[in-house]
Amino acid sequence: MRTKNFWLDTLERAVKTFAQALIAVIAVGTPIYEIDWLPGLGIAATATAVSVLTSIASAGAGAPDSASLVGGGRHRQVG
């Protein structure tokens, strides 16, 4: 958890979560000019905070230097 790679992984996950949550708020069938942006941003910020806390809670459970619960897998090279 004290490595640069861990925090970069956490940041990447947080940014993706923010974008996904905001897109979900936009996609509920409301025209873009009628969206109440403040609650939408609040929902996205809450999801982002949960993502960061989940990454911190996952530290050391998966692959080293990763915010993932899943260990690094081995991929078979074909060819």
PDB file of N, CA and C in Angstrom:
ATOM      1  N   MET A   1       0.819  -1.194   0.000  1.00  0.00           N
ATOM      2  CA  MET A   1       0.000   0.000   0.000  1.00  0.00           C
ATOM      3  C   MET A   1       0.861   1.255   0.000  1.00  0.00           C
ATOM      4  N   ARG A   2       2.080   1.127   0.305  1.00  0.00           N
ATOM      5  CA  ARG A   2       2.959   2.293   0.371  1.00  0.00           C
ATOM      6  C   ARG A   2       3.772   2.491  -0.898  1.00  0.00           C
ATOM      7  N   THR A   3       3.302   1.920  -1.983  1.00  0.00           N
ATOM      8  CA  THR A   3       4.050   2.042  -3.228  1.00  0.00           C
ATOM      9  C   THR A   3       3.326   2.960  -4.206  1.00  0.00           C
ATOM     10  N   LYS A   4       4.104   3.499  -5.115  1.00  0.00           N
ATOM     11  CA  LYS A   4       3.549   4.372  -6.149  1.00  0.00           C
ATOM     12  C   LYS A   4       2.565   3.603  -7.028  1.00  0.00           C
ATOM     13  N   ASN A   5       2.903   2.358  -7.369  1.00  0.00           N
ATOM     14  CA  ASN A   5       2.030   1.554  -8.234  1.00  0.00           C
ATOM     15  C   ASN A   5       0.670   1.299  -7.590  1.00  0.00           C
ATOM     16  N   PHE A   6       0.658   1.056  -6.277  1.00  0.00           N
ATOM     17  CA  PHE A   6      -0.614   0.844  -5.589  1.00  0.00           C
ATOM     18  C   PHE A   6      -1.498   2.075  -5.719  1.00  0.00           C
ATOM     19  N   TRP A   7      -0.928   3.250  -5.477  1.00  0.00           N
ATOM     20  CA  TRP A   7      -1.725   4.477  -5.518  1.00  0.00           C
ATOM     21  C   TRP A   7      -2.127   4.854  -6.941  1.00  0.00           C
ATOM     22  N   LEU A   8      -1.295   4.530  -7.925  1.00  0.00           N
ATOM     23  CA  LEU A   8      -1.695   4.750  -9.318  1.00  0.00           C
ATOM     24  C   LEU A   8      -2.861   3.835  -9.692  1.00  0.00           C
ATOM     25  N   ASP A   9      -2.793   2.592  -9.233  1.00  0.00           N
ATOM     26  CA  ASP A   9      -3.881   1.646  -9.476  1.00  0.00           C
ATOM     27  C   ASP A   9      -5.162   2.126  -8.793  1.00  0.00           C
ATOM     28  N   THR A  10      -5.039   2.596  -7.561  1.00  0.00           N
ATOM     29  CA  THR A  10      -6.189   3.122  -6.826  1.00  0.00           C
ATOM     30  C   THR A  10      -6.773   4.338  -7.532  1.00  0.00           C
ATOM     31  N   LEU A  11      -5.914   5.237  -7.996  1.00  0.00           N
ATOM     32  CA  LEU A  11      -6.374   6.428  -8.708  1.00  0.00           C
ATOM     33  C   LEU A  11      -7.113   6.051  -9.986  1.00  0.00           C
ATOM     34  N   GLU A  12      -6.557   5.109 -10.734  1.00  0.00           N
ATOM     35  CA  GLU A  12      -7.213   4.669 -11.969  1.00  0.00           C
ATOM     36  C   GLU A  12      -8.605   4.109 -11.675  1.00  0.00           C
ATOM     37  N   ARG A  13      -8.710   3.285 -10.646  1.00  0.00           N
ATOM     38  CA  ARG A  13     -10.000   2.709 -10.281  1.00  0.00           C
ATOM     39  C   ARG A  13     -10.979   3.794  -9.838  1.00  0.00           C
ATOM     40  N   ALA A  14     -10.492   4.777  -9.087  1.00  0.00           N
ATOM     41  CA  ALA A  14     -11.355   5.855  -8.598  1.00  0.00           C
ATOM     42  C   ALA A  14     -11.884   6.713  -9.746  1.00  0.00           C
ATOM     43  N   VAL A  15     -11.021   7.041 -10.693  1.00  0.00           N
ATOM     44  CA  VAL A  15     -11.444   7.857 -11.843  1.00  0.00           C
ATOM     45  C   VAL A  15     -12.484   7.105 -12.675  1.00  0.00           C
ATOM     46  N   LYS A  16     -12.248   5.823 -12.902  1.00  0.00           N
ATOM     47  CA  LYS A  16     -13.209   5.017 -13.663  1.00  0.00           C
ATOM     48  C   LYS A  16     -14.546   4.937 -12.932  1.00  0.00           C
ATOM     49  N   THR A  17     -14.499   4.749 -11.622  1.00  0.00           N
ATOM     50  CA  THR A  17     -15.732   4.670 -10.837  1.00  0.00           C
ATOM     51  C   THR A  17     -16.501   5.978 -10.894  1.00  0.00           C
ATOM     52  N   PHE A  18     -15.793   7.111 -10.775  1.00  0.00           N
ATOM     53  CA  PHE A  18     -16.441   8.422 -10.854  1.00  0.00           C
ATOM     54  C   PHE A  18     -17.153   8.573 -12.194  1.00  0.00           C
ATOM     55  N   ALA A  19     -16.449   8.250 -13.271  1.00  0.00           N
ATOM     56  CA  ALA A  19     -17.032   8.383 -14.609  1.00  0.00           C
ATOM     57  C   ALA A  19     -18.238   7.465 -14.782  1.00  0.00           C
ATOM     58  N   GLN A  20     -18.133   6.231 -14.322  1.00  0.00           N
ATOM     59  CA  GLN A  20     -19.235   5.283 -14.469  1.00  0.00           C
ATOM     60  C   GLN A  20     -20.459   5.728 -13.673  1.00  0.00           C
ATOM     61  N   ALA A  21     -20.247   6.214 -12.458  1.00  0.00           N
ATOM     62  CA  ALA A  21     -21.373   6.667 -11.637  1.00  0.00           C
ATOM     63  C   ALA A  21     -22.033   7.898 -12.250  1.00  0.00           C
ATOM     64  N   LEU A  22     -21.231   8.820 -12.759  1.00  0.00           N
ATOM     65  CA  LEU A  22     -21.789  10.022 -13.375  1.00  0.00           C
ATOM     66  C   LEU A  22     -22.563   9.671 -14.645  1.00  0.00           C
ATOM     67  N   ILE A  23     -22.042   8.749 -15.428  1.00  0.00           N
ATOM     68  CA  ILE A  23     -22.749   8.299 -16.632  1.00  0.00           C
ATOM     69  C   ILE A  23     -24.072   7.636 -16.248  1.00  0.00           C
ATOM     70  N   ALA A  24     -24.077   6.875 -15.162  1.00  0.00           N
ATOM     71  CA  ALA A  24     -25.316   6.242 -14.707  1.00  0.00           C
ATOM     72  C   ALA A  24     -26.358   7.288 -14.326  1.00  0.00           C
ATOM     73  N   VAL A  25     -25.928   8.365 -13.689  1.00  0.00           N
ATOM     74  CA  VAL A  25     -26.850   9.442 -13.321  1.00  0.00           C
ATOM     75  C   VAL A  25     -27.409  10.103 -14.576  1.00  0.00           C
ATOM     76  N   ILE A  26     -26.566  10.314 -15.563  1.00  0.00           N
ATOM     77  CA  ILE A  26     -26.987  10.960 -16.811  1.00  0.00           C
ATOM     78  C   ILE A  26     -27.924  10.046 -17.603  1.00  0.00           C
ATOM     79  N   ALA A  27     -27.709   8.751 -17.514  1.00  0.00           N
ATOM     80  CA  ALA A  27     -28.424   7.797 -18.367  1.00  0.00           C
ATOM     81  C   ALA A  27     -29.801   7.400 -17.856  1.00  0.00           C
ATOM     82  N   VAL A  28     -30.329   8.069 -16.858  1.00  0.00           N
ATOM     83  CA  VAL A  28     -31.623   7.664 -16.306  1.00  0.00           C
ATOM     84  C   VAL A  28     -32.815   8.169 -17.109  1.00  0.00           C
ATOM     85  N   GLY A  29     -32.584   8.749 -18.258  1.00  0.00           N
ATOM     86  CA  GLY A  29     -33.673   9.176 -19.120  1.00  0.00           C
ATOM     87  C   GLY A  29     -34.021  10.646 -19.013  1.00  0.00           C
ATOM     88  N   THR A  30     -33.193  11.404 -18.347  1.00  0.00           N
ATOM     89  CA  THR A  30     -33.419  12.838 -18.213  1.00  0.00           C
ATOM     90  C   THR A  30     -32.617  13.569 -19.279  1.00  0.00           C
ATOM     91  N   PRO A  31     -33.227  14.516 -19.977  1.00  0.00           N
ATOM     92  CA  PRO A  31     -32.450  15.306 -20.938  1.00  0.00           C
ATOM     93  C   PRO A  31     -31.301  16.029 -20.227  1.00  0.00           C
ATOM     94  N   ILE A  32     -30.194  16.182 -20.906  1.00  0.00           N
ATOM     95  CA  ILE A  32     -28.992  16.739 -20.282  1.00  0.00           C
ATOM     96  C   ILE A  32     -29.223  18.142 -19.725  1.00  0.00           C
ATOM     97  N   TYR A  33     -30.133  18.897 -20.313  1.00  0.00           N
ATOM     98  CA  TYR A  33     -30.385  20.255 -19.827  1.00  0.00           C
ATOM     99  C   TYR A  33     -31.278  20.269 -18.587  1.00  0.00           C
ATOM    100  N   GLU A  34     -31.831  19.109 -18.199  1.00  0.00           N
ATOM    101  CA  GLU A  34     -32.665  19.035 -17.001  1.00  0.00           C
ATOM    102  C   GLU A  34     -31.997  18.283 -15.850  1.00  0.00           C
ATOM    103  N   ILE A  35     -30.776  17.843 -16.042  1.00  0.00           N
ATOM    104  CA  ILE A  35     -30.088  17.080 -15.001  1.00  0.00           C
ATOM    105  C   ILE A  35     -29.744  18.003 -13.841  1.00  0.00           C
ATOM    106  N   ASP A  36     -30.029  17.528 -12.634  1.00  0.00           N
ATOM    107  CA  ASP A  36     -29.631  18.247 -11.430  1.00  0.00           C
ATOM    108  C   ASP A  36     -28.200  17.797 -11.108  1.00  0.00           C
ATOM    109  N   TRP A  37     -27.227  18.591 -11.543  1.00  0.00           N
ATOM    110  CA  TRP A  37     -25.828  18.183 -11.517  1.00  0.00           C
ATOM    111  C   TRP A  37     -25.254  18.008 -10.118  1.00  0.00           C
ATOM    112  N   LEU A  38     -25.662  18.817  -9.153  1.00  0.00           N
ATOM    113  CA  LEU A  38     -25.069  18.730  -7.818  1.00  0.00           C
ATOM    114  C   LEU A  38     -25.314  17.367  -7.166  1.00  0.00           C
ATOM    115  N   PRO A  39     -26.548  16.867  -7.139  1.00  0.00           N
ATOM    116  CA  PRO A  39     -26.735  15.517  -6.595  1.00  0.00           C
ATOM    117  C   PRO A  39     -26.012  14.444  -7.418  1.00  0.00           C
ATOM    118  N   GLY A  40     -25.975  14.619  -8.731  1.00  0.00           N
ATOM    119  CA  GLY A  40     -25.265  13.659  -9.580  1.00  0.00           C
ATOM    120  C   GLY A  40     -23.785  13.599  -9.257  1.00  0.00           C
ATOM    121  N   LEU A  41     -23.181  14.762  -9.066  1.00  0.00           N
ATOM    122  CA  LEU A  41     -21.765  14.804  -8.691  1.00  0.00           C
ATOM    123  C   LEU A  41     -21.560  14.231  -7.292  1.00  0.00           C
ATOM    124  N   GLY A  42     -22.537  14.453  -6.408  1.00  0.00           N
ATOM    125  CA  GLY A  42     -22.455  13.881  -5.061  1.00  0.00           C
ATOM    126  C   GLY A  42     -22.496  12.366  -5.079  1.00  0.00           C
ATOM    127  N   ILE A  43     -23.360  11.808  -5.921  1.00  0.00           N
ATOM    128  CA  ILE A  43     -23.433  10.352  -6.064  1.00  0.00           C
ATOM    129  C   ILE A  43     -22.115   9.815  -6.610  1.00  0.00           C
ATOM    130  N   ALA A  44     -21.574  10.472  -7.624  1.00  0.00           N
ATOM    131  CA  ALA A  44     -20.300  10.039  -8.211  1.00  0.00           C
ATOM    132  C   ALA A  44     -19.168  10.153  -7.195  1.00  0.00           C
ATOM    133  N   ALA A  45     -19.161  11.216  -6.396  1.00  0.00           N
ATOM    134  CA  ALA A  45     -18.119  11.390  -5.375  1.00  0.00           C
ATOM    135  C   ALA A  45     -18.222  10.310  -4.300  1.00  0.00           C
ATOM    136  N   THR A  46     -19.443   9.962  -3.915  1.00  0.00           N
ATOM    137  CA  THR A  46     -19.632   8.902  -2.921  1.00  0.00           C
ATOM    138  C   THR A  46     -19.130   7.568  -3.457  1.00  0.00           C
ATOM    139  N   ALA A  47     -19.459   7.250  -4.696  1.00  0.00           N
ATOM    140  CA  ALA A  47     -18.983   6.010  -5.312  1.00  0.00           C
ATOM    141  C   ALA A  47     -17.463   5.994  -5.392  1.00  0.00           C
ATOM    142  N   THR A  48     -16.865   7.153  -5.672  1.00  0.00           N
ATOM    143  CA  THR A  48     -15.412   7.258  -5.748  1.00  0.00           C
ATOM    144  C   THR A  48     -14.783   7.010  -4.385  1.00  0.00           C
ATOM    145  N   ALA A  49     -15.361   7.581  -3.342  1.00  0.00           N
ATOM    146  CA  ALA A  49     -14.842   7.367  -1.986  1.00  0.00           C
ATOM    147  C   ALA A  49     -14.913   5.891  -1.605  1.00  0.00           C
ATOM    148  N   VAL A  50     -16.017   5.233  -1.954  1.00  0.00           N
ATOM    149  CA  VAL A  50     -16.148   3.804  -1.678  1.00  0.00           C
ATOM    150  C   VAL A  50     -15.094   3.015  -2.453  1.00  0.00           C
ATOM    151  N   SER A  51     -14.825   3.406  -3.687  1.00  0.00           N
ATOM    152  CA  SER A  51     -13.802   2.745  -4.496  1.00  0.00           C
ATOM    153  C   SER A  51     -12.426   2.853  -3.843  1.00  0.00           C
ATOM    154  N   VAL A  52     -12.079   4.046  -3.380  1.00  0.00           N
ATOM    155  CA  VAL A  52     -10.772   4.252  -2.736  1.00  0.00           C
ATOM    156  C   VAL A  52     -10.687   3.432  -1.449  1.00  0.00           C
ATOM    157  N   LEU A  53     -11.743   3.452  -0.639  1.00  0.00           N
ATOM    158  CA  LEU A  53     -11.741   2.676   0.603  1.00  0.00           C
ATOM    159  C   LEU A  53     -11.647   1.178   0.328  1.00  0.00           C
ATOM    160  N   THR A  54     -12.312   0.715  -0.726  1.00  0.00           N
ATOM    161  CA  THR A  54     -12.223  -0.693  -1.104  1.00  0.00           C
ATOM    162  C   THR A  54     -10.806  -1.053  -1.535  1.00  0.00           C
ATOM    163  N   SER A  55     -10.164  -0.163  -2.275  1.00  0.00           N
ATOM    164  CA  SER A  55      -8.782  -0.405  -2.691  1.00  0.00           C
ATOM    165  C   SER A  55      -7.864  -0.491  -1.481  1.00  0.00           C
ATOM    166  N   ILE A  56      -8.048   0.401  -0.524  1.00  0.00           N
ATOM    167  CA  ILE A  56      -7.218   0.383   0.689  1.00  0.00           C
ATOM    168  C   ILE A  56      -7.468  -0.903   1.477  1.00  0.00           C
ATOM    169  N   ALA A  57      -8.730  -1.306   1.588  1.00  0.00           N
ATOM    170  CA  ALA A  57      -9.056  -2.541   2.300  1.00  0.00           C
ATOM    171  C   ALA A  57      -8.493  -3.771   1.590  1.00  0.00           C
ATOM    172  N   SER A  58      -8.301  -3.680   0.283  1.00  0.00           N
ATOM    173  CA  SER A  58      -7.794  -4.801  -0.507  1.00  0.00           C
ATOM    174  C   SER A  58      -6.274  -4.890  -0.504  1.00  0.00           C
ATOM    175  N   ALA A  59      -5.611  -3.896   0.045  1.00  0.00           N
ATOM    176  CA  ALA A  59      -4.139  -3.858   0.020  1.00  0.00           C
ATOM    177  C   ALA A  59      -3.565  -5.129   0.638  1.00  0.00           C
ATOM    178  N   GLY A  60      -2.672  -5.752  -0.092  1.00  0.00           N
ATOM    179  CA  GLY A  60      -1.992  -6.939   0.393  1.00  0.00           C
ATOM    180  C   GLY A  60      -2.750  -8.239   0.170  1.00  0.00           C
ATOM    181  N   ALA A  61      -3.997  -8.173  -0.267  1.00  0.00           N
ATOM    182  CA  ALA A  61      -4.784  -9.386  -0.462  1.00  0.00           C
ATOM    183  C   ALA A  61      -4.514 -10.032  -1.814  1.00  0.00           C
ATOM    184  N   GLY A  62      -4.244  -9.222  -2.815  1.00  0.00           N
ATOM    185  CA  GLY A  62      -4.020  -9.743  -4.161  1.00  0.00           C
ATOM    186  C   GLY A  62      -2.564  -9.636  -4.551  1.00  0.00           C
ATOM    187  N   ALA A  63      -2.356  -9.228  -5.775  1.00  0.00           N
ATOM    188  CA  ALA A  63      -0.996  -9.071  -6.282  1.00  0.00           C
ATOM    189  C   ALA A  63      -0.293  -7.933  -5.540  1.00  0.00           C
ATOM    190  N   PRO A  64       1.003  -8.068  -5.306  1.00  0.00           N
ATOM    191  CA  PRO A  64       1.740  -6.979  -4.659  1.00  0.00           C
ATOM    192  C   PRO A  64       1.638  -5.696  -5.484  1.00  0.00           C
ATOM    193  N   ASP A  65       1.604  -4.570  -4.824  1.00  0.00           N
ATOM    194  CA  ASP A  65       1.533  -3.252  -5.471  1.00  0.00           C
ATOM    195  C   ASP A  65       0.251  -3.053  -6.263  1.00  0.00           C
ATOM    196  N   SER A  66      -0.801  -3.801  -5.930  1.00  0.00           N
ATOM    197  CA  SER A  66      -2.062  -3.678  -6.652  1.00  0.00           C
ATOM    198  C   SER A  66      -3.189  -3.409  -5.668  1.00  0.00           C
ATOM    199  N   ALA A  67      -4.199  -2.700  -6.139  1.00  0.00           N
ATOM    200  CA  ALA A  67      -5.386  -2.440  -5.324  1.00  0.00           C
ATOM    201  C   ALA A  67      -6.448  -3.508  -5.548  1.00  0.00           C
ATOM    202  N   SER A  68      -6.079  -4.601  -6.169  1.00  0.00           N
ATOM    203  CA  SER A  68      -7.018  -5.660  -6.514  1.00  0.00           C
ATOM    204  C   SER A  68      -7.035  -6.754  -5.451  1.00  0.00           C
ATOM    205  N   LEU A  69      -8.193  -7.370  -5.264  1.00  0.00           N
ATOM    206  CA  LEU A  69      -8.290  -8.536  -4.385  1.00  0.00           C
ATOM    207  C   LEU A  69      -7.779  -9.795  -5.069  1.00  0.00           C
ATOM    208  N   VAL A  70      -7.728  -9.758  -6.383  1.00  0.00           N
ATOM    209  CA  VAL A  70      -7.339 -10.919  -7.171  1.00  0.00           C
ATOM    210  C   VAL A  70      -5.834 -10.899  -7.397  1.00  0.00           C
ATOM    211  N   GLY A  71      -5.207 -12.024  -7.186  1.00  0.00           N
ATOM    212  CA  GLY A  71      -3.776 -12.122  -7.425  1.00  0.00           C
ATOM    213  C   GLY A  71      -3.452 -12.041  -8.898  1.00  0.00           C
ATOM    214  N   GLY A  72      -2.227 -11.693  -9.196  1.00  0.00           N
ATOM    215  CA  GLY A  72      -1.796 -11.618 -10.590  1.00  0.00           C
ATOM    216  C   GLY A  72      -1.829 -12.997 -11.218  1.00  0.00           C
ATOM    217  N   GLY A  73      -2.476 -13.103 -12.345  1.00  0.00           N
ATOM    218  CA  GLY A  73      -2.602 -14.391 -13.012  1.00  0.00           C
ATOM    219  C   GLY A  73      -1.462 -14.637 -13.978  1.00  0.00           C
ATOM    220  N   ARG A  74      -1.337 -15.867 -14.355  1.00  0.00           N
ATOM    221  CA  ARG A  74      -0.345 -16.231 -15.364  1.00  0.00           C
ATOM    222  C   ARG A  74      -1.098 -16.528 -16.647  1.00  0.00           C
ATOM    223  N   HIS A  75      -0.620 -15.964 -17.706  1.00  0.00           N
ATOM    224  CA  HIS A  75      -1.271 -16.160 -18.998  1.00  0.00           C
ATOM    225  C   HIS A  75      -0.375 -17.027 -19.869  1.00  0.00           C
ATOM    226  N   ARG A  76      -0.990 -17.969 -20.493  1.00  0.00           N
ATOM    227  CA  ARG A  76      -0.260 -18.866 -21.369  1.00  0.00           C
ATOM    228  C   ARG A  76      -0.049 -18.183 -22.705  1.00  0.00           C
ATOM    229  N   GLN A  77       1.168 -18.165 -23.162  1.00  0.00           N
ATOM    230  CA  GLN A  77       1.469 -17.558 -24.452  1.00  0.00           C
ATOM    231  C   GLN A  77       1.183 -18.574 -25.550  1.00  0.00           C
ATOM    232  N   VAL A  78       0.390 -18.161 -26.516  1.00  0.00           N
ATOM    233  CA  VAL A  78       0.015 -19.045 -27.615  1.00  0.00           C
ATOM    234  C   VAL A  78       0.880 -18.712 -28.820  1.00  0.00           C
ATOM    235  N   GLY A  79       1.401 -19.752 -29.446  1.00  0.00           N
ATOM    236  CA  GLY A  79       2.137 -19.526 -30.685  1.00  0.00           C
ATOM    237  C   GLY A  79       3.561 -19.489 -30.556  1.00  0.00           C
TER     238      GLY A  79
END
